[in-house]
Every structure is written in structure tokens, then in C-alpha cells.
N, C-alpha and C. Protein backbone atom coordinates (compact mmCIF):
# COMPACT_ATOMS: atom_id res chain seq x y z
N UNK A 1 0.99 -1.13 -0.15
CA UNK A 1 -0.13 -0.13 0.03
C UNK A 1 1.07 1.22 0.17
N UNK A 2 0.63 2.02 -0.83
CA UNK A 2 1.67 3.17 -1.06
C UNK A 2 1.34 4.28 -0.08
N UNK A 3 0.03 4.27 0.35
CA UNK A 3 -0.39 5.55 1.11
C UNK A 3 0.08 5.01 2.48
N UNK A 4 0.32 3.98 2.93
CA UNK A 4 0.78 3.62 4.27
C UNK A 4 2.32 3.16 4.29
N UNK A 5 2.85 3.23 2.88
CA UNK A 5 4.10 2.79 2.93
C UNK A 5 4.35 1.49 3.66
N UNK A 6 3.71 0.37 2.95
CA UNK A 6 3.72 -0.95 3.82
C UNK A 6 3.95 -1.81 2.62
N UNK A 7 4.72 -3.10 2.48
CA UNK A 7 4.80 -3.97 1.44
C UNK A 7 4.43 -5.31 2.16
N UNK A 8 4.06 -6.35 1.19
CA UNK A 8 3.75 -7.46 1.51
C UNK A 8 2.56 -7.94 0.56
N UNK A 9 2.19 -9.30 0.84
CA UNK A 9 1.24 -10.00 0.10
C UNK A 9 -0.20 -9.69 0.67
N UNK A 10 -1.03 -9.70 -0.54
CA UNK A 10 -2.38 -9.57 -0.09
C UNK A 10 -3.05 -10.85 0.12
N UNK A 11 -4.03 -11.14 1.08
CA UNK A 11 -4.51 -12.58 1.06
C UNK A 11 -6.09 -12.45 1.15
N UNK A 12 -6.85 -13.24 0.42
CA UNK A 12 -8.19 -13.34 0.61
C UNK A 12 -8.76 -13.69 1.95
N UNK A 13 -9.71 -12.84 2.47
CA UNK A 13 -10.39 -13.54 3.69
C UNK A 13 -11.80 -13.97 3.36
N UNK A 14 -11.91 -15.32 2.92
CA UNK A 14 -13.10 -15.81 2.45
C UNK A 14 -14.38 -15.82 3.67
N UNK A 15 -13.76 -15.66 5.00
CA UNK A 15 -14.93 -15.58 6.09
C UNK A 15 -15.33 -14.10 6.09
N UNK A 16 -14.68 -13.27 5.59
CA UNK A 16 -15.17 -11.97 5.62
C UNK A 16 -15.85 -11.34 4.18
N UNK A 17 -15.88 -12.39 3.42
CA UNK A 17 -16.36 -12.06 2.07
C UNK A 17 -17.67 -12.60 1.69
N UNK A 18 -18.49 -11.97 0.84
CA UNK A 18 -19.65 -12.31 0.52
C UNK A 18 -19.55 -12.70 -1.09
N UNK A 19 -20.12 -13.80 -1.34
CA UNK A 19 -19.92 -14.51 -2.73
C UNK A 19 -21.67 -14.28 -3.02
N UNK A 20 -21.87 -13.57 -4.15
CA UNK A 20 -23.17 -13.92 -4.85
C UNK A 20 -23.01 -14.39 -6.10
N UNK A 21 -24.06 -14.90 -6.72
CA UNK A 21 -24.09 -15.39 -8.02
C UNK A 21 -24.22 -14.32 -9.07
N UNK A 22 -23.15 -14.23 -10.38
CA UNK A 22 -23.16 -13.34 -11.29
C UNK A 22 -23.00 -13.80 -12.44
N UNK A 23 -23.44 -13.40 -13.44
CA UNK A 23 -23.41 -13.83 -14.98
C UNK A 23 -23.49 -12.73 -15.76
N UNK A 24 -22.43 -12.42 -16.50
CA UNK A 24 -22.47 -11.50 -17.72
C UNK A 24 -23.03 -12.11 -19.04
N UNK A 25 -23.75 -11.32 -19.69
CA UNK A 25 -24.53 -12.05 -20.87
C UNK A 25 -24.68 -10.86 -22.18
N UNK A 26 -24.35 -11.61 -23.01
CA UNK A 26 -24.27 -10.51 -24.15
C UNK A 26 -25.44 -10.63 -25.21
N UNK A 27 -26.13 -10.07 -25.42
CA UNK A 27 -27.56 -10.13 -26.27
C UNK A 27 -27.27 -9.28 -27.48
N UNK A 28 -28.12 -10.01 -28.48
CA UNK A 28 -27.98 -9.13 -29.76
C UNK A 28 -29.43 -8.97 -30.39
N UNK A 29 -29.48 -8.37 -31.35
CA UNK A 29 -30.89 -8.23 -32.19
C UNK A 29 -30.90 -9.50 -32.87
N UNK A 30 -32.43 -9.83 -33.09
CA UNK A 30 -32.90 -11.03 -33.64
C UNK A 30 -32.45 -10.83 -35.31
N UNK A 31 -32.14 -11.62 -36.07
CA UNK A 31 -31.67 -11.80 -37.30
C UNK A 31 -32.69 -11.06 -38.08
N UNK A 32 -34.02 -11.26 -37.97
CA UNK A 32 -35.25 -10.92 -38.79
C UNK A 32 -35.46 -9.10 -38.49
N UNK A 33 -34.72 -8.81 -37.31
CA UNK A 33 -35.16 -7.41 -37.16
C UNK A 33 -33.79 -6.57 -37.65
N UNK A 34 -32.84 -7.24 -37.79
CA UNK A 34 -31.67 -6.37 -38.57
C UNK A 34 -32.00 -5.81 -39.79
N UNK A 35 -31.63 -4.73 -40.19
CA UNK A 35 -31.92 -3.90 -41.41
C UNK A 35 -30.60 -4.70 -42.37
N UNK A 36 -31.14 -4.77 -43.64
CA UNK A 36 -30.39 -5.74 -44.61
C UNK A 36 -29.00 -4.97 -44.63
N UNK A 37 -27.72 -5.67 -44.76
CA UNK A 37 -26.57 -5.14 -44.81
C UNK A 37 -26.08 -4.52 -43.59
N UNK A 38 -26.76 -4.76 -42.57
CA UNK A 38 -26.32 -3.94 -41.13
C UNK A 38 -25.93 -5.27 -40.25
N UNK A 39 -25.09 -5.00 -39.20
CA UNK A 39 -24.48 -5.72 -38.27
C UNK A 39 -25.20 -5.74 -36.96
N UNK A 40 -26.15 -6.74 -36.50
CA UNK A 40 -26.68 -7.00 -35.36
C UNK A 40 -26.21 -5.79 -34.13
N UNK A 41 -26.66 -5.20 -33.54
CA UNK A 41 -26.33 -4.47 -32.49
C UNK A 41 -26.23 -5.47 -31.16
N UNK A 42 -25.24 -5.04 -30.30
CA UNK A 42 -25.34 -6.04 -29.08
C UNK A 42 -25.30 -5.26 -27.88
N UNK A 43 -25.64 -5.65 -26.68
CA UNK A 43 -25.43 -5.42 -25.39
C UNK A 43 -24.96 -6.11 -24.23
N UNK A 44 -24.21 -5.57 -23.37
CA UNK A 44 -23.82 -6.68 -22.12
C UNK A 44 -24.92 -6.24 -21.04
N UNK A 45 -25.29 -7.48 -20.64
CA UNK A 45 -26.12 -7.38 -19.14
C UNK A 45 -25.50 -8.18 -18.32
N UNK A 46 -25.87 -7.68 -17.12
CA UNK A 46 -25.32 -8.18 -15.87
C UNK A 46 -26.39 -8.80 -15.06
N UNK A 47 -26.29 -10.02 -14.56
CA UNK A 47 -27.23 -10.71 -13.83
C UNK A 47 -26.85 -11.04 -12.36
N UNK A 48 -27.52 -10.78 -11.68
CA UNK A 48 -27.18 -11.26 -10.12
C UNK A 48 -28.07 -12.05 -9.37
N UNK A 49 -27.84 -12.91 -8.54
CA UNK A 49 -28.61 -13.72 -7.52
C UNK A 49 -29.67 -14.69 -8.33
N UNK A 50 -30.83 -14.34 -8.18
CA UNK A 50 -31.86 -15.43 -8.74
C UNK A 50 -31.92 -15.25 -10.34
N UNK A 51 -31.30 -14.10 -11.00
CA UNK A 51 -31.52 -14.19 -12.46
C UNK A 51 -30.20 -14.72 -13.19
N UNK A 52 -29.24 -15.36 -12.36
CA UNK A 52 -28.38 -16.21 -12.88
C UNK A 52 -28.67 -17.43 -13.48
N UNK A 53 -28.29 -17.81 -14.61
CA UNK A 53 -28.68 -19.09 -15.58
C UNK A 53 -29.96 -19.16 -15.71
N UNK A 54 -30.57 -18.00 -16.02
CA UNK A 54 -31.70 -17.92 -16.73
C UNK A 54 -31.96 -17.66 -18.01
N UNK A 55 -30.83 -17.16 -18.41
CA UNK A 55 -30.51 -16.93 -19.97
C UNK A 55 -29.59 -18.01 -20.59
N UNK A 56 -29.77 -18.82 -21.49
CA UNK A 56 -28.90 -19.58 -22.37
C UNK A 56 -28.63 -19.05 -23.53
N UNK A 57 -27.78 -19.52 -24.32
CA UNK A 57 -27.24 -19.14 -25.60
C UNK A 57 -28.48 -19.56 -26.52
N UNK A 58 -29.02 -18.61 -27.38
CA UNK A 58 -30.06 -19.05 -28.13
C UNK A 58 -31.32 -18.61 -27.89
N UNK A 59 -31.49 -18.29 -26.54
CA UNK A 59 -32.76 -17.84 -26.06
C UNK A 59 -33.37 -16.54 -26.49
N UNK A 60 -34.53 -16.35 -26.60
CA UNK A 60 -35.20 -15.14 -27.10
C UNK A 60 -35.92 -14.57 -25.80
N UNK A 61 -35.38 -13.55 -25.35
CA UNK A 61 -35.84 -13.11 -24.21
C UNK A 61 -36.27 -11.53 -24.07
N UNK A 62 -36.91 -11.00 -23.10
CA UNK A 62 -37.37 -9.72 -22.75
C UNK A 62 -36.33 -9.24 -21.36
N UNK A 63 -35.52 -8.35 -21.64
CA UNK A 63 -35.17 -7.88 -20.20
C UNK A 63 -35.33 -6.55 -20.01
N UNK A 64 -35.80 -6.44 -18.74
CA UNK A 64 -35.95 -5.01 -18.08
C UNK A 64 -34.86 -4.72 -16.94
N UNK A 65 -34.54 -3.72 -16.99
CA UNK A 65 -33.31 -3.40 -15.88
C UNK A 65 -32.87 -1.77 -16.00
N UNK A 66 -31.69 -1.66 -15.30
CA UNK A 66 -31.22 -0.20 -15.23
C UNK A 66 -30.20 0.08 -16.11
N UNK A 67 -30.07 1.04 -17.03
CA UNK A 67 -28.98 1.32 -17.90
C UNK A 67 -27.70 2.12 -17.30
N UNK A 68 -26.76 1.60 -17.13
CA UNK A 68 -25.60 2.29 -16.33
C UNK A 68 -24.43 2.32 -17.27
N UNK A 69 -23.62 3.41 -16.97
CA UNK A 69 -22.10 3.37 -17.50
C UNK A 69 -21.18 2.51 -16.65
N UNK A 70 -20.25 1.92 -17.63
CA UNK A 70 -19.25 1.20 -17.04
C UNK A 70 -18.24 1.94 -16.40
N UNK A 71 -17.97 1.70 -15.10
CA UNK A 71 -17.00 2.45 -14.48
C UNK A 71 -15.69 1.92 -14.87
N UNK A 72 -14.81 2.90 -15.22
CA UNK A 72 -13.40 3.07 -15.39
C UNK A 72 -12.69 3.37 -14.18
N UNK A 73 -11.46 2.74 -14.11
CA UNK A 73 -10.47 3.11 -13.20
C UNK A 73 -8.91 3.42 -13.89
N UNK A 74 -8.26 4.11 -13.02
CA UNK A 74 -6.76 4.16 -13.51
C UNK A 74 -6.73 4.84 -14.76
N UNK A 75 -5.65 4.67 -15.45
CA UNK A 75 -5.41 5.22 -16.65
C UNK A 75 -6.34 5.19 -17.76
N UNK A 76 -7.26 4.20 -17.49
CA UNK A 76 -8.34 3.99 -18.67
C UNK A 76 -9.53 5.15 -18.36
N UNK A 77 -9.55 5.49 -17.29
CA UNK A 77 -10.69 6.39 -16.67
C UNK A 77 -10.00 7.92 -17.54
N UNK A 78 -8.76 8.26 -17.34
CA UNK A 78 -8.31 9.44 -17.64
C UNK A 78 -8.30 9.47 -19.31
N UNK A 79 -8.26 8.47 -19.97
CA UNK A 79 -8.18 8.26 -21.38
C UNK A 79 -9.38 8.36 -21.95
N UNK A 80 -10.54 7.79 -21.10
CA UNK A 80 -11.85 7.82 -22.01
C UNK A 80 -12.44 9.08 -21.77
N UNK A 81 -12.25 10.03 -21.00
CA UNK A 81 -12.83 11.40 -20.98
C UNK A 81 -14.34 11.29 -20.93
N UNK A 82 -15.06 11.95 -21.76
CA UNK A 82 -16.56 11.56 -21.44
C UNK A 82 -17.22 10.59 -22.04
N UNK A 83 -16.41 9.75 -22.83
CA UNK A 83 -16.91 8.57 -23.34
C UNK A 83 -17.03 7.47 -22.42
N UNK A 84 -18.09 6.48 -22.39
CA UNK A 84 -18.04 5.59 -21.58
C UNK A 84 -18.94 4.27 -22.53
N UNK A 85 -18.43 3.12 -21.85
CA UNK A 85 -19.13 1.82 -22.28
C UNK A 85 -20.36 2.01 -21.50
N UNK A 86 -21.42 1.27 -21.92
CA UNK A 86 -22.83 0.91 -21.01
C UNK A 86 -23.05 -0.65 -20.77
N UNK A 87 -23.85 -0.92 -19.96
CA UNK A 87 -24.59 -2.22 -19.58
C UNK A 87 -25.86 -2.05 -19.15
N UNK A 88 -26.60 -3.18 -18.90
CA UNK A 88 -28.00 -3.14 -18.29
C UNK A 88 -27.62 -4.07 -17.22
N UNK A 89 -28.18 -3.30 -16.06
CA UNK A 89 -28.40 -4.30 -14.92
C UNK A 89 -29.57 -4.90 -14.71
N UNK A 90 -29.62 -6.08 -15.02
CA UNK A 90 -31.12 -6.81 -15.15
C UNK A 90 -31.63 -6.91 -14.13
N UNK A 91 -33.01 -6.56 -14.05
CA UNK A 91 -34.04 -6.76 -12.99
C UNK A 91 -34.97 -7.87 -13.11
N UNK A 92 -35.43 -8.14 -14.43
CA UNK A 92 -36.32 -9.12 -14.73
C UNK A 92 -35.99 -9.51 -16.03
N UNK A 93 -36.19 -10.87 -16.34
CA UNK A 93 -35.90 -11.76 -17.63
C UNK A 93 -37.44 -12.17 -17.84
N UNK A 94 -37.78 -12.16 -19.06
CA UNK A 94 -38.97 -13.11 -19.54
C UNK A 94 -38.63 -14.02 -20.68
N UNK A 95 -38.70 -15.19 -20.71
CA UNK A 95 -38.30 -16.02 -21.51
C UNK A 95 -39.59 -16.06 -22.72
N UNK A 96 -39.40 -15.98 -23.97
CA UNK A 96 -40.18 -16.21 -25.06
C UNK A 96 -40.25 -17.57 -25.66
N UNK A 97 -38.96 -18.16 -25.58
CA UNK A 97 -38.79 -19.66 -25.98
C UNK A 97 -39.22 -20.52 -25.33
N UNK A 98 -39.94 -21.36 -25.58
CA UNK A 98 -40.41 -22.59 -24.70
C UNK A 98 -39.55 -23.87 -24.76
N UNK A 99 -39.54 -24.70 -23.58
CA UNK A 99 -38.73 -26.01 -23.75
C UNK A 99 -39.73 -26.86 -24.72
N UNK A 100 -38.69 -27.81 -25.07
CA UNK A 100 -39.36 -28.72 -26.23
C UNK A 100 -40.56 -29.24 -25.84
N UNK A 101 -40.69 -29.69 -24.37
CA UNK A 101 -41.76 -30.45 -23.64
C UNK A 101 -43.23 -29.33 -23.86
N UNK A 102 -42.98 -28.26 -23.80
CA UNK A 102 -43.74 -27.23 -23.62
C UNK A 102 -44.45 -26.80 -25.13
N UNK A 103 -43.80 -27.10 -26.11
CA UNK A 103 -44.14 -26.83 -27.51
C UNK A 103 -45.24 -27.52 -27.97
N UNK A 104 -46.27 -26.89 -28.46
CA UNK A 104 -47.66 -27.52 -29.13
C UNK A 104 -47.70 -26.93 -30.40
N UNK A 105 -47.59 -28.16 -31.53
CA UNK A 105 -47.54 -27.89 -32.78
C UNK A 105 -48.88 -27.98 -33.55
N UNK A 106 -49.30 -26.86 -34.40
CA UNK A 106 -50.55 -26.82 -34.95
C UNK A 106 -50.67 -27.64 -35.78
N UNK A 107 -51.82 -28.23 -36.28
CA UNK A 107 -52.39 -29.34 -37.23
C UNK A 107 -51.88 -29.36 -38.53
N UNK A 108 -51.80 -28.17 -39.13
CA UNK A 108 -50.94 -28.03 -40.45
C UNK A 108 -49.53 -28.20 -40.41
N UNK A 109 -48.92 -27.86 -39.38
CA UNK A 109 -47.50 -28.16 -39.36
C UNK A 109 -47.17 -29.67 -39.02
N UNK A 110 -47.89 -30.38 -38.22
CA UNK A 110 -47.77 -31.81 -38.08
C UNK A 110 -47.96 -32.57 -39.28
N UNK A 111 -49.22 -31.94 -40.21
CA UNK A 111 -49.24 -32.64 -41.47
C UNK A 111 -48.12 -32.53 -42.64
N UNK A 112 -47.55 -31.40 -42.30
CA UNK A 112 -46.47 -31.16 -43.33
C UNK A 112 -45.28 -31.94 -43.11
N UNK A 113 -45.01 -32.24 -41.67
CA UNK A 113 -44.09 -32.97 -41.20
C UNK A 113 -44.04 -34.48 -41.64
N UNK A 114 -45.54 -34.80 -41.51
CA UNK A 114 -45.48 -36.25 -41.84
C UNK A 114 -45.75 -36.41 -43.25
N UNK A 115 -45.95 -35.42 -44.14
CA UNK A 115 -45.73 -35.56 -45.52
C UNK A 115 -44.29 -35.56 -45.98
N UNK A 116 -43.66 -34.87 -45.33
CA UNK A 116 -41.95 -34.98 -45.68
C UNK A 116 -41.42 -36.40 -45.17
N UNK A 117 -41.84 -36.79 -44.21
CA UNK A 117 -41.44 -37.91 -43.55
C UNK A 117 -41.82 -39.17 -44.37
N UNK A 118 -42.87 -39.04 -44.98
CA UNK A 118 -43.26 -40.02 -46.14
C UNK A 118 -42.68 -40.12 -47.41
N UNK A 119 -42.23 -39.08 -47.78
CA UNK A 119 -41.33 -38.76 -48.93
C UNK A 119 -39.93 -39.67 -49.11
N UNK A 120 -39.60 -39.90 -47.87
CA UNK A 120 -38.13 -40.58 -47.85
C UNK A 120 -37.06 -39.64 -48.10
N UNK A 121 -37.29 -38.44 -48.63
CA UNK A 121 -36.23 -37.47 -48.88
C UNK A 121 -35.79 -36.38 -47.82
N UNK A 122 -36.20 -36.73 -46.57
CA UNK A 122 -36.09 -35.77 -45.59
C UNK A 122 -34.72 -35.29 -45.09
N UNK A 123 -33.75 -36.22 -45.40
CA UNK A 123 -32.25 -35.99 -45.36
C UNK A 123 -31.80 -35.15 -46.54
N UNK A 124 -32.23 -35.29 -47.63
CA UNK A 124 -31.88 -34.34 -48.61
C UNK A 124 -32.46 -32.95 -48.51
N UNK A 125 -33.80 -33.07 -48.05
CA UNK A 125 -34.52 -31.63 -47.99
C UNK A 125 -33.62 -30.99 -46.91
N UNK A 126 -33.28 -31.42 -45.68
CA UNK A 126 -32.73 -30.93 -44.56
C UNK A 126 -31.25 -30.32 -45.01
N UNK A 127 -30.74 -31.19 -45.57
CA UNK A 127 -29.15 -30.81 -46.11
C UNK A 127 -29.41 -29.80 -47.05
N UNK A 128 -30.08 -29.67 -47.93
CA UNK A 128 -30.33 -28.55 -48.96
C UNK A 128 -30.63 -27.20 -48.17
N UNK A 129 -31.27 -27.25 -47.23
CA UNK A 129 -31.64 -26.06 -46.22
C UNK A 129 -30.68 -25.46 -45.57
N UNK A 130 -29.65 -26.16 -45.39
CA UNK A 130 -28.33 -25.49 -44.81
C UNK A 130 -27.70 -24.61 -45.93
N UNK A 131 -27.47 -23.27 -45.44
CA UNK A 131 -26.66 -22.54 -46.35
C UNK A 131 -27.15 -22.48 -48.07
N UNK A 132 -28.26 -22.21 -48.11
CA UNK A 132 -29.10 -22.27 -49.48
C UNK A 132 -28.35 -21.42 -50.63
N UNK A 133 -27.64 -20.30 -49.80
CA UNK A 133 -27.40 -19.24 -51.01
C UNK A 133 -25.83 -19.92 -51.52
N UNK A 134 -25.12 -20.88 -50.91
CA UNK A 134 -23.84 -21.49 -51.29
C UNK A 134 -24.27 -22.80 -52.20
N UNK A 135 -23.93 -22.65 -53.40
CA UNK A 135 -24.34 -23.68 -54.39
C UNK A 135 -23.18 -24.93 -54.04
N UNK A 136 -23.95 -26.07 -54.26
CA UNK A 136 -22.92 -27.39 -54.30
C UNK A 136 -22.43 -27.66 -52.68
N UNK A 137 -21.64 -28.26 -52.64
CA UNK A 137 -20.85 -28.74 -51.47
C UNK A 137 -22.06 -29.47 -50.54
N UNK A 138 -22.54 -30.63 -51.16
CA UNK A 138 -23.76 -31.27 -50.60
C UNK A 138 -22.85 -32.11 -49.40
N UNK A 139 -21.89 -32.87 -49.77
CA UNK A 139 -21.20 -33.52 -48.63
C UNK A 139 -20.97 -32.82 -47.04
N UNK A 140 -20.42 -31.49 -47.21
CA UNK A 140 -20.20 -30.74 -46.30
C UNK A 140 -21.44 -30.29 -45.54
N UNK A 141 -22.48 -30.00 -46.66
CA UNK A 141 -23.89 -29.68 -45.82
C UNK A 141 -24.52 -30.82 -45.12
N UNK A 142 -24.35 -31.90 -45.71
CA UNK A 142 -25.02 -33.11 -44.92
C UNK A 142 -23.93 -33.56 -43.48
N UNK A 143 -22.74 -33.02 -43.51
CA UNK A 143 -21.77 -33.42 -42.47
C UNK A 143 -22.51 -32.19 -41.40
N UNK A 144 -22.57 -31.00 -41.91
CA UNK A 144 -22.84 -29.95 -40.86
C UNK A 144 -24.33 -30.45 -40.36
N UNK A 145 -25.34 -30.95 -41.11
CA UNK A 145 -26.68 -31.36 -40.24
C UNK A 145 -26.46 -32.47 -39.46
N UNK A 146 -25.79 -33.42 -39.74
CA UNK A 146 -25.25 -34.85 -38.71
C UNK A 146 -24.60 -34.17 -37.49
N UNK A 147 -23.88 -33.07 -37.54
CA UNK A 147 -23.07 -32.60 -36.36
C UNK A 147 -24.38 -31.96 -35.65
N UNK A 148 -25.11 -31.18 -36.39
CA UNK A 148 -26.38 -30.16 -35.66
C UNK A 148 -27.30 -31.15 -35.09
N UNK A 149 -27.63 -32.18 -35.56
CA UNK A 149 -28.85 -33.16 -35.01
C UNK A 149 -28.26 -34.51 -34.15
N UNK A 150 -27.03 -34.58 -34.26
CA UNK A 150 -26.44 -35.87 -33.71
C UNK A 150 -26.01 -35.27 -32.12
N UNK A 151 -25.49 -36.25 -31.54
CA UNK A 151 -24.93 -36.32 -30.24
C UNK A 151 -26.46 -36.42 -28.93
N UNK A 152 -25.97 -36.09 -27.65
CA UNK A 152 -26.95 -36.29 -26.88
C UNK A 152 -27.32 -34.85 -26.60
N UNK A 153 -28.62 -35.19 -26.10
CA UNK A 153 -29.41 -33.79 -25.50
C UNK A 153 -28.65 -33.25 -24.28
N UNK A 154 -28.38 -31.95 -24.30
CA UNK A 154 -27.89 -31.11 -23.27
C UNK A 154 -29.33 -30.68 -22.37
N UNK A 155 -29.00 -31.38 -21.00
CA UNK A 155 -29.79 -30.89 -19.76
C UNK A 155 -29.28 -29.69 -19.27
N UNK A 156 -30.16 -28.61 -19.20
CA UNK A 156 -29.38 -27.33 -18.51
C UNK A 156 -30.13 -27.28 -17.31
N UNK A 157 -29.28 -26.90 -16.19
CA UNK A 157 -30.01 -26.81 -15.01
C UNK A 157 -29.43 -27.64 -13.81
């Protein structure tokens, strides 16, 4: 400590410390809401306590919270001047996407799925739907499809 002119190591006192759950989440605009030719905007969200682990990658959520500037310290604070980064301190999170067990499919969707299944060409249809703007590379697209749907189901929580 320069103020007291003392030297030595710092030790963490776990008994005098309070540990709270924390998660930093980066969210971005939905692809269908981004104007053509633009990059999706993104924002950092800080979650504490019960809000931790409520948001997973790929979730569609509404987040309510407090919009705050990121505090800078040291040389970075001097260099930043009046410009600062911002983040959202989450107070409430609402999920739009449902779990697989909660999804209820409409009759037209079920009929269409059954039709595709009966054709016997479902593997071909799905592989062609991956990156349709890229012509050819059928084997690569099939390999990507198998990677997407293969493996084990991840249980979160």
C-alpha cells in the first residue's frame, strides 16, 4: 500500500467475503429485425442472484433493468474522458422460447412434417436447407446437418 508505505502480500479473507451469483450476458438483435446489410447491435447485461442461469445461448428474451455506464479506473478513466461503455443491470427476465416439452404444434405443421417423412427424402431436404445461398458442397452440408442433430441432448440446470 503506497499510502501507508507498507509492503507484503495480499490474502483473501473468505470468511469476511460475501459471494453472490453473477453472470455477464451478451445479447443481440434478432436476425429478422436487423436491416439488410447491417450488423446486429449487441449489449452487455449483468445478472445477479436469482437471475443467474436464466438466460442460455439462443434464447429469445425480454430484459428489464437499469441502464448504467461502465466505471473505469486508473489510466483508462483518464483516457476515456466523457465517452463510456454501458451495460444493463438486469432486474427482470422473461423467456419467449419454450422448452421442447412445452411446444404445441399446430395441425398444418404436423401434417407437413408427416408428408415430408413419407417422401423418404427428408435427409436431402434438410441438407439442402443449410446455407442455400452456397451452391454445391452437398457432402459438407450433410456433415453439418449430422453435427447439428447428432449427439446427446444437453440438460441445462
